[in-house]
Amino acid sequence: MGALLEVKNLKYSTPEGKEILKGVNLDVKEGEIHVILGPNGAGKSTLANLIAGAGGYENPTEGEIIFNGKPLNGKPLYERARLGLTIAFQEPARFEGITVEEYLKLSARNNPSADIEACLKKVGLNPKDYLQRFLDESLSGGERKRIELASIMCMKPKLAVLDEIDSGIDFVSIDEIGNLFKTMRDEGTTLLVITHRENIANIADRASLMCDGTIVETGNPKKVIKKFEKECLVCELQSPKLVEGLNR
């Protein structure tokens, strides 16, 4: 399979001049689960936002993002969505005043074949219990993340960027998350998964290690995890508290 997403020498600095990305090069192949692994502060979420055009991140300071052969620089989030690219954030959005059923129908508006009940079941939620519930504080963080994953399955985008989607989620096991990601891939969605948890990288077809604003290695997930554990988890720049958290 060819590259669905290409990131070329991507750099990004804040308006105050702080350099976040320092020349990121990345390719995501069509039909794969690609995990970007790295410690907190490596620039992973900034990269995810630039790829999706989310949160005002429409233009890098330098470099280029190409999706399915089309340049993305300068395109707003909604235009990228029309091309088949979507993002799920670490903290799922709330849509006050609408039900889960209404939200999933909105997600599926460009996918006539979507079965919203089947999508809920695939993320472990009983449609009878959830379709008429509202997307508000009555749902736990884990429930909202599951619903957001169901919405992506309803959309069936070409590429889904999942930014720390595993953080705080109430999945029973890594196997459950892995099976869900593989289902999404097998149904036609390429996944770019952003995480600081090395066990998530075991799910990947390929993995990339991100450190200090750059991709330092891409390839076999086991090799990338080994480098992460050897170099990132013992890096003197990381606090003991962060290292303890990463080892959980």
C-alpha atoms as a PDB file:
ATOM      1  CA  MET A   1       0.000   0.000   0.000  1.00  0.00           C
ATOM      2  CA  GLY A   2       1.182   3.561  -0.739  1.00  0.00           C
ATOM      3  CA  ALA A   3       1.351   6.451   1.697  1.00  0.00           C
ATOM      4  CA  LEU A   4      -2.057   7.911   2.542  1.00  0.00           C
ATOM      5  CA  LEU A   5      -0.466  10.633   4.674  1.00  0.00           C
ATOM      6  CA  GLU A   6       2.926  12.277   4.193  1.00  0.00           C
ATOM      7  CA  VAL A   7       4.449  14.772   6.611  1.00  0.00           C
ATOM      8  CA  LYS A   8       7.544  16.481   5.235  1.00  0.00           C
ATOM      9  CA  ASN A   9      10.020  18.450   7.349  1.00  0.00           C
ATOM     10  CA  LEU A  10       7.208  19.826   9.517  1.00  0.00           C
ATOM     11  CA  LYS A  11       8.172  22.604  11.902  1.00  0.00           C
ATOM     12  CA  TYR A  12       6.003  24.596  14.271  1.00  0.00           C
ATOM     13  CA  SER A  13       6.766  27.408  16.695  1.00  0.00           C
ATOM     14  CA  THR A  14       4.354  29.225  18.984  1.00  0.00           C
ATOM     15  CA  PRO A  15       3.671  32.961  18.448  1.00  0.00           C
ATOM     16  CA  GLU A  16       6.052  33.520  21.378  1.00  0.00           C
ATOM     17  CA  GLY A  17       8.808  31.754  19.454  1.00  0.00           C
ATOM     18  CA  LYS A  18       8.888  28.443  21.317  1.00  0.00           C
ATOM     19  CA  GLU A  19       9.867  25.671  18.924  1.00  0.00           C
ATOM     20  CA  ILE A  20       7.553  22.654  19.298  1.00  0.00           C
ATOM     21  CA  LEU A  21       8.158  20.640  16.113  1.00  0.00           C
ATOM     22  CA  LYS A  22      11.672  20.584  14.723  1.00  0.00           C
ATOM     23  CA  GLY A  23      11.399  18.913  11.330  1.00  0.00           C
ATOM     24  CA  VAL A  24       8.988  15.967  11.547  1.00  0.00           C
ATOM     25  CA  ASN A  25       9.020  13.447   8.703  1.00  0.00           C
ATOM     26  CA  LEU A  26       6.348  10.760   8.707  1.00  0.00           C
ATOM     27  CA  ASP A  27       4.401   8.578   6.297  1.00  0.00           C
ATOM     28  CA  VAL A  28       1.274   6.606   7.137  1.00  0.00           C
ATOM     29  CA  LYS A  29       0.417   3.821   4.722  1.00  0.00           C
ATOM     30  CA  GLU A  30      -3.128   3.208   3.604  1.00  0.00           C
ATOM     31  CA  GLY A  31      -4.765   0.383   5.569  1.00  0.00           C
ATOM     32  CA  GLU A  32      -2.421   0.350   8.561  1.00  0.00           C
ATOM     33  CA  ILE A  33      -2.554   1.082  12.265  1.00  0.00           C
ATOM     34  CA  HIS A  34       0.338   3.471  12.829  1.00  0.00           C
ATOM     35  CA  VAL A  35       1.187   4.433  16.403  1.00  0.00           C
ATOM     36  CA  ILE A  36       3.216   7.500  17.350  1.00  0.00           C
ATOM     37  CA  LEU A  37       4.768   6.777  20.736  1.00  0.00           C
ATOM     38  CA  GLY A  38       6.536   9.356  22.860  1.00  0.00           C
ATOM     39  CA  PRO A  39       6.692  10.972  26.284  1.00  0.00           C
ATOM     40  CA  ASN A  40       4.535  13.910  27.308  1.00  0.00           C
ATOM     41  CA  GLY A  41       5.932  17.120  25.868  1.00  0.00           C
ATOM     42  CA  ALA A  42       7.369  15.478  22.746  1.00  0.00           C
ATOM     43  CA  GLY A  43       5.046  17.446  20.435  1.00  0.00           C
ATOM     44  CA  LYS A  44       2.639  14.605  19.596  1.00  0.00           C
ATOM     45  CA  SER A  45      -0.616  16.534  20.117  1.00  0.00           C
ATOM     46  CA  THR A  46       0.708  19.534  18.189  1.00  0.00           C
ATOM     47  CA  LEU A  47       1.503  17.192  15.304  1.00  0.00           C
ATOM     48  CA  ALA A  48      -1.995  15.642  15.506  1.00  0.00           C
ATOM     49  CA  ASN A  49      -3.644  19.080  15.463  1.00  0.00           C
ATOM     50  CA  LEU A  50      -1.573  20.227  12.490  1.00  0.00           C
ATOM     51  CA  ILE A  51      -2.491  17.095  10.532  1.00  0.00           C
ATOM     52  CA  ALA A  52      -6.200  17.582  11.279  1.00  0.00           C
ATOM     53  CA  GLY A  53      -6.235  21.392  11.120  1.00  0.00           C
ATOM     54  CA  ALA A  54      -7.794  21.447  14.582  1.00  0.00           C
ATOM     55  CA  GLY A  55      -7.645  24.085  17.288  1.00  0.00           C
ATOM     56  CA  GLY A  56      -6.396  26.797  14.961  1.00  0.00           C
ATOM     57  CA  TYR A  57      -3.469  24.681  13.753  1.00  0.00           C
ATOM     58  CA  GLU A  58      -3.980  25.105  10.008  1.00  0.00           C
ATOM     59  CA  ASN A  59      -0.473  26.132   8.998  1.00  0.00           C
ATOM     60  CA  PRO A  60       2.899  24.850  10.161  1.00  0.00           C
ATOM     61  CA  THR A  61       5.794  27.271  10.473  1.00  0.00           C
ATOM     62  CA  GLU A  62       7.527  25.259   7.786  1.00  0.00           C
ATOM     63  CA  GLY A  63       7.037  21.997   5.897  1.00  0.00           C
ATOM     64  CA  GLU A  64       4.160  20.235   4.199  1.00  0.00           C
ATOM     65  CA  ILE A  65       1.312  17.822   4.955  1.00  0.00           C
ATOM     66  CA  ILE A  66      -0.066  15.756   2.069  1.00  0.00           C
ATOM     67  CA  PHE A  67      -3.171  13.592   2.439  1.00  0.00           C
ATOM     68  CA  ASN A  68      -4.270  11.228  -0.306  1.00  0.00           C
ATOM     69  CA  GLY A  69      -2.160  13.200  -2.763  1.00  0.00           C
ATOM     70  CA  LYS A  70      -3.580  16.607  -1.776  1.00  0.00           C
ATOM     71  CA  PRO A  71      -1.715  19.314   0.195  1.00  0.00           C
ATOM     72  CA  LEU A  72      -3.424  20.227   3.461  1.00  0.00           C
ATOM     73  CA  ASN A  73      -1.533  23.352   4.498  1.00  0.00           C
ATOM     74  CA  GLY A  74      -3.991  26.182   5.116  1.00  0.00           C
ATOM     75  CA  LYS A  75      -7.121  24.037   4.833  1.00  0.00           C
ATOM     76  CA  PRO A  76      -9.535  24.311   7.784  1.00  0.00           C
ATOM     77  CA  LEU A  77     -10.680  21.272   9.713  1.00  0.00           C
ATOM     78  CA  TYR A  78     -14.007  20.964   7.852  1.00  0.00           C
ATOM     79  CA  GLU A  79     -12.279  20.834   4.460  1.00  0.00           C
ATOM     80  CA  ARG A  80      -9.948  18.110   5.690  1.00  0.00           C
ATOM     81  CA  ALA A  81     -12.994  16.234   6.996  1.00  0.00           C
ATOM     82  CA  ARG A  82     -14.544  16.374   3.529  1.00  0.00           C
ATOM     83  CA  LEU A  83     -11.391  14.753   2.174  1.00  0.00           C
ATOM     84  CA  GLY A  84     -11.855  11.878   4.638  1.00  0.00           C
ATOM     85  CA  LEU A  85      -9.685  12.878   7.614  1.00  0.00           C
ATOM     86  CA  THR A  86     -11.006  13.139  11.173  1.00  0.00           C
ATOM     87  CA  ILE A  87      -9.565  13.473  14.672  1.00  0.00           C
ATOM     88  CA  ALA A  88     -10.625  12.246  18.111  1.00  0.00           C
ATOM     89  CA  PHE A  89      -9.162  14.168  21.025  1.00  0.00           C
ATOM     90  CA  GLN A  90      -7.889  13.074  24.432  1.00  0.00           C
ATOM     91  CA  GLU A  91     -10.868  14.864  26.001  1.00  0.00           C
ATOM     92  CA  PRO A  92     -14.017  14.049  23.977  1.00  0.00           C
ATOM     93  CA  ALA A  93     -16.280  16.947  23.084  1.00  0.00           C
ATOM     94  CA  ARG A  94     -19.717  17.296  24.629  1.00  0.00           C
ATOM     95  CA  PHE A  95     -22.693  18.213  22.516  1.00  0.00           C
ATOM     96  CA  GLU A  96     -25.188  19.522  25.037  1.00  0.00           C
ATOM     97  CA  GLY A  97     -28.823  19.002  24.160  1.00  0.00           C
ATOM     98  CA  ILE A  98     -28.523  16.135  21.681  1.00  0.00           C
ATOM     99  CA  THR A  99     -28.813  12.419  22.207  1.00  0.00           C
ATOM    100  CA  VAL A 100     -26.279   9.740  21.349  1.00  0.00           C
ATOM    101  CA  GLU A 101     -28.559   8.643  18.502  1.00  0.00           C
ATOM    102  CA  GLU A 102     -28.688  12.169  17.043  1.00  0.00           C
ATOM    103  CA  TYR A 103     -24.906  12.533  17.367  1.00  0.00           C
ATOM    104  CA  LEU A 104     -24.226   9.232  15.594  1.00  0.00           C
ATOM    105  CA  LYS A 105     -26.703  10.077  12.828  1.00  0.00           C
ATOM    106  CA  LEU A 106     -24.866  13.362  12.284  1.00  0.00           C
ATOM    107  CA  SER A 107     -21.587  11.445  12.113  1.00  0.00           C
ATOM    108  CA  ALA A 108     -23.067   9.047   9.571  1.00  0.00           C
ATOM    109  CA  ARG A 109     -24.645  11.670   7.312  1.00  0.00           C
ATOM    110  CA  ASN A 110     -22.085  11.036   4.542  1.00  0.00           C
ATOM    111  CA  ASN A 111     -22.069   7.272   5.027  1.00  0.00           C
ATOM    112  CA  PRO A 112     -25.518   5.896   4.070  1.00  0.00           C
ATOM    113  CA  SER A 113     -24.472   2.335   4.886  1.00  0.00           C
ATOM    114  CA  ALA A 114     -23.678   3.134   8.522  1.00  0.00           C
ATOM    115  CA  ASP A 115     -25.474   1.074  11.152  1.00  0.00           C
ATOM    116  CA  ILE A 116     -25.356   3.176  14.306  1.00  0.00           C
ATOM    117  CA  GLU A 117     -26.580   0.374  16.561  1.00  0.00           C
ATOM    118  CA  ALA A 118     -23.896  -1.969  15.234  1.00  0.00           C
ATOM    119  CA  CYS A 119     -21.248   0.730  15.800  1.00  0.00           C
ATOM    120  CA  LEU A 120     -22.323   1.132  19.428  1.00  0.00           C
ATOM    121  CA  LYS A 121     -22.192  -2.610  19.962  1.00  0.00           C
ATOM    122  CA  LYS A 122     -18.666  -2.748  18.527  1.00  0.00           C
ATOM    123  CA  VAL A 123     -17.459  -0.315  21.194  1.00  0.00           C
ATOM    124  CA  GLY A 124     -19.177  -2.310  23.928  1.00  0.00           C
ATOM    125  CA  LEU A 125     -22.293  -0.186  24.494  1.00  0.00           C
ATOM    126  CA  ASN A 126     -25.844  -1.531  24.386  1.00  0.00           C
ATOM    127  CA  PRO A 127     -27.911   0.602  21.967  1.00  0.00           C
ATOM    128  CA  LYS A 128     -31.034   0.162  24.115  1.00  0.00           C
ATOM    129  CA  ASP A 129     -29.211   1.724  27.047  1.00  0.00           C
ATOM    130  CA  TYR A 130     -27.422   4.543  25.209  1.00  0.00           C
ATOM    131  CA  LEU A 131     -29.252   5.757  22.077  1.00  0.00           C
ATOM    132  CA  GLN A 132     -31.581   8.080  23.996  1.00  0.00           C
ATOM    133  CA  ARG A 133     -29.039   9.280  26.531  1.00  0.00           C
ATOM    134  CA  PHE A 134     -27.745  12.828  26.215  1.00  0.00           C
ATOM    135  CA  LEU A 135     -24.120  13.740  25.575  1.00  0.00           C
ATOM    136  CA  ASP A 136     -23.629  15.508  28.880  1.00  0.00           C
ATOM    137  CA  GLU A 137     -21.961  15.103  32.267  1.00  0.00           C
ATOM    138  CA  SER A 138     -24.144  12.082  33.041  1.00  0.00           C
ATOM    139  CA  LEU A 139     -21.800  10.040  30.828  1.00  0.00           C
ATOM    140  CA  SER A 140     -18.423   8.999  32.175  1.00  0.00           C
ATOM    141  CA  GLY A 141     -15.253   9.942  30.326  1.00  0.00           C
ATOM    142  CA  GLY A 142     -14.862   6.346  29.215  1.00  0.00           C
ATOM    143  CA  GLU A 143     -18.423   6.206  27.890  1.00  0.00           C
ATOM    144  CA  ARG A 144     -17.924   9.407  25.916  1.00  0.00           C
ATOM    145  CA  LYS A 145     -14.691   8.072  24.414  1.00  0.00           C
ATOM    146  CA  ARG A 146     -16.465   4.883  23.362  1.00  0.00           C
ATOM    147  CA  ILE A 147     -19.249   6.943  21.787  1.00  0.00           C
ATOM    148  CA  GLU A 148     -16.667   9.076  19.975  1.00  0.00           C
ATOM    149  CA  LEU A 149     -15.053   5.914  18.593  1.00  0.00           C
ATOM    150  CA  ALA A 150     -18.495   4.713  17.522  1.00  0.00           C
ATOM    151  CA  SER A 151     -19.019   8.038  15.743  1.00  0.00           C
ATOM    152  CA  ILE A 152     -15.777   7.543  13.815  1.00  0.00           C
ATOM    153  CA  MET A 153     -16.926   4.075  12.822  1.00  0.00           C
ATOM    154  CA  CYS A 154     -20.174   5.663  11.574  1.00  0.00           C
ATOM    155  CA  MET A 155     -18.203   8.228   9.545  1.00  0.00           C
ATOM    156  CA  LYS A 156     -15.858   5.611   8.118  1.00  0.00           C
ATOM    157  CA  PRO A 157     -13.158   8.187   7.265  1.00  0.00           C
ATOM    158  CA  LYS A 158     -10.109   7.345   5.185  1.00  0.00           C
ATOM    159  CA  LEU A 159      -7.869   8.359   8.118  1.00  0.00           C
ATOM    160  CA  ALA A 160      -8.671   8.760  11.811  1.00  0.00           C
ATOM    161  CA  VAL A 161      -6.172  10.511  14.068  1.00  0.00           C
ATOM    162  CA  LEU A 162      -6.714   9.287  17.634  1.00  0.00           C
ATOM    163  CA  ASP A 163      -4.951  11.611  20.082  1.00  0.00           C
ATOM    164  CA  GLU A 164      -4.430   9.831  23.422  1.00  0.00           C
ATOM    165  CA  ILE A 165      -7.811   8.154  22.944  1.00  0.00           C
ATOM    166  CA  ASP A 166      -6.688   5.390  25.322  1.00  0.00           C
ATOM    167  CA  SER A 167      -5.996   7.796  28.202  1.00  0.00           C
ATOM    168  CA  GLY A 168      -8.409   7.171  31.071  1.00  0.00           C
ATOM    169  CA  ILE A 169     -10.637   4.927  28.998  1.00  0.00           C
ATOM    170  CA  ASP A 170     -12.491   2.126  30.763  1.00  0.00           C
ATOM    171  CA  PHE A 171     -11.727  -0.649  28.314  1.00  0.00           C
ATOM    172  CA  VAL A 172     -11.288  -3.986  30.033  1.00  0.00           C
ATOM    173  CA  SER A 173      -7.961  -4.800  28.423  1.00  0.00           C
ATOM    174  CA  ILE A 174      -5.416  -3.844  25.816  1.00  0.00           C
ATOM    175  CA  ASP A 175      -6.812  -6.713  23.751  1.00  0.00           C
ATOM    176  CA  GLU A 176     -10.233  -5.028  23.665  1.00  0.00           C
ATOM    177  CA  ILE A 177      -8.716  -1.767  22.401  1.00  0.00           C
ATOM    178  CA  GLY A 178      -6.617  -3.697  19.902  1.00  0.00           C
ATOM    179  CA  ASN A 179      -9.583  -5.625  18.549  1.00  0.00           C
ATOM    180  CA  LEU A 180     -11.572  -2.413  18.117  1.00  0.00           C
ATOM    181  CA  PHE A 181      -8.720  -0.688  16.261  1.00  0.00           C
ATOM    182  CA  LYS A 182      -8.292  -3.729  14.009  1.00  0.00           C
ATOM    183  CA  THR A 183     -12.030  -3.753  13.264  1.00  0.00           C
ATOM    184  CA  MET A 184     -11.851  -0.095  12.246  1.00  0.00           C
ATOM    185  CA  ARG A 185      -8.836  -0.813  10.041  1.00  0.00           C
ATOM    186  CA  ASP A 186     -10.455  -3.876   8.465  1.00  0.00           C
ATOM    187  CA  GLU A 187     -13.568  -1.802   7.683  1.00  0.00           C
ATOM    188  CA  GLY A 188     -11.506   0.673   5.672  1.00  0.00           C
ATOM    189  CA  THR A 189     -10.181   3.301   8.100  1.00  0.00           C
ATOM    190  CA  THR A 190      -6.449   3.894   8.422  1.00  0.00           C
ATOM    191  CA  LEU A 191      -5.520   4.780  12.012  1.00  0.00           C
ATOM    192  CA  LEU A 192      -2.862   7.150  13.322  1.00  0.00           C
ATOM    193  CA  VAL A 193      -2.801   6.599  17.077  1.00  0.00           C
ATOM    194  CA  ILE A 194      -0.995   9.087  19.350  1.00  0.00           C
ATOM    195  CA  THR A 195       0.011   7.728  22.753  1.00  0.00           C
ATOM    196  CA  HIS A 196       2.565   7.790  25.564  1.00  0.00           C
ATOM    197  CA  ARG A 197       1.754   4.180  26.560  1.00  0.00           C
ATOM    198  CA  GLU A 198       4.081   1.576  25.162  1.00  0.00           C
ATOM    199  CA  ASN A 199       1.503  -1.226  25.389  1.00  0.00           C
ATOM    200  CA  ILE A 200      -0.666   0.583  22.818  1.00  0.00           C
ATOM    201  CA  ALA A 201       2.219   0.422  20.342  1.00  0.00           C
ATOM    202  CA  ASN A 202       1.975  -3.383  20.445  1.00  0.00           C
ATOM    203  CA  ILE A 203      -1.289  -3.033  18.505  1.00  0.00           C
ATOM    204  CA  ALA A 204       0.409  -1.217  15.620  1.00  0.00           C
ATOM    205  CA  ASP A 205       1.342  -2.486  12.186  1.00  0.00           C
ATOM    206  CA  ARG A 206       4.105   0.127  12.314  1.00  0.00           C
ATOM    207  CA  ALA A 207       5.199   2.567  15.006  1.00  0.00           C
ATOM    208  CA  SER A 208       7.147   5.803  15.203  1.00  0.00           C
ATOM    209  CA  LEU A 209       9.039   7.147  18.197  1.00  0.00           C
ATOM    210  CA  MET A 210       8.711  10.884  18.760  1.00  0.00           C
ATOM    211  CA  CYS A 211      11.084  12.783  21.001  1.00  0.00           C
ATOM    212  CA  ASP A 212      11.719  16.496  21.465  1.00  0.00           C
ATOM    213  CA  GLY A 213       9.768  17.568  18.395  1.00  0.00           C
ATOM    214  CA  THR A 214      11.096  15.018  15.908  1.00  0.00           C
ATOM    215  CA  ILE A 215      10.470  11.451  14.769  1.00  0.00           C
ATOM    216  CA  VAL A 216      13.605   9.551  15.746  1.00  0.00           C
ATOM    217  CA  GLU A 217      12.655   6.085  14.499  1.00  0.00           C
ATOM    218  CA  THR A 218       9.913   4.366  12.478  1.00  0.00           C
ATOM    219  CA  GLY A 219       9.429   0.673  11.895  1.00  0.00           C
ATOM    220  CA  ASN A 220       8.766  -2.520  13.790  1.00  0.00           C
ATOM    221  CA  PRO A 221       6.669  -1.729  16.893  1.00  0.00           C
ATOM    222  CA  LYS A 222       8.719  -3.999  19.167  1.00  0.00           C
ATOM    223  CA  LYS A 223      11.929  -2.237  18.132  1.00  0.00           C
ATOM    224  CA  VAL A 224      10.358   1.188  18.657  1.00  0.00           C
ATOM    225  CA  ILE A 225       9.020   0.165  22.086  1.00  0.00           C
ATOM    226  CA  LYS A 226      12.448  -1.117  23.094  1.00  0.00           C
ATOM    227  CA  LYS A 227      14.058   2.191  22.122  1.00  0.00           C
ATOM    228  CA  PHE A 228      11.315   4.086  23.982  1.00  0.00           C
ATOM    229  CA  GLU A 229      11.854   2.062  27.143  1.00  0.00           C
ATOM    230  CA  LYS A 230      15.634   2.262  26.922  1.00  0.00           C
ATOM    231  CA  GLU A 231      15.977   5.942  26.079  1.00  0.00           C
ATOM    232  CA  CYS A 232      12.757   7.848  26.836  1.00  0.00           C
ATOM    233  CA  LEU A 233      11.779   6.287  30.142  1.00  0.00           C
ATOM    234  CA  VAL A 234      15.230   6.906  31.621  1.00  0.00           C
ATOM    235  CA  CYS A 235      15.800  10.292  29.990  1.00  0.00           C
ATOM    236  CA  GLU A 236      17.137  12.736  32.531  1.00  0.00           C
ATOM    237  CA  LEU A 237      14.804  15.378  31.082  1.00  0.00           C
ATOM    238  CA  GLN A 238      11.782  13.433  32.373  1.00  0.00           C
ATOM    239  CA  SER A 239      10.661  13.868  35.955  1.00  0.00           C
ATOM    240  CA  PRO A 240      10.507  10.797  38.249  1.00  0.00           C
ATOM    241  CA  LYS A 241       6.730  11.307  38.513  1.00  0.00           C
ATOM    242  CA  LEU A 242       6.320  11.156  34.723  1.00  0.00           C
ATOM    243  CA  VAL A 243       8.531   8.090  34.446  1.00  0.00           C
ATOM    244  CA  GLU A 244       6.432   6.363  37.113  1.00  0.00           C
ATOM    245  CA  GLY A 245       3.262   7.223  35.185  1.00  0.00           C
ATOM    246  CA  LEU A 246       4.626   5.943  31.897  1.00  0.00           C
ATOM    247  CA  ASN A 247       5.499   2.592  33.484  1.00  0.00           C
ATOM    248  CA  ARG A 248       1.949   1.981  34.688  1.00  0.00           C
END
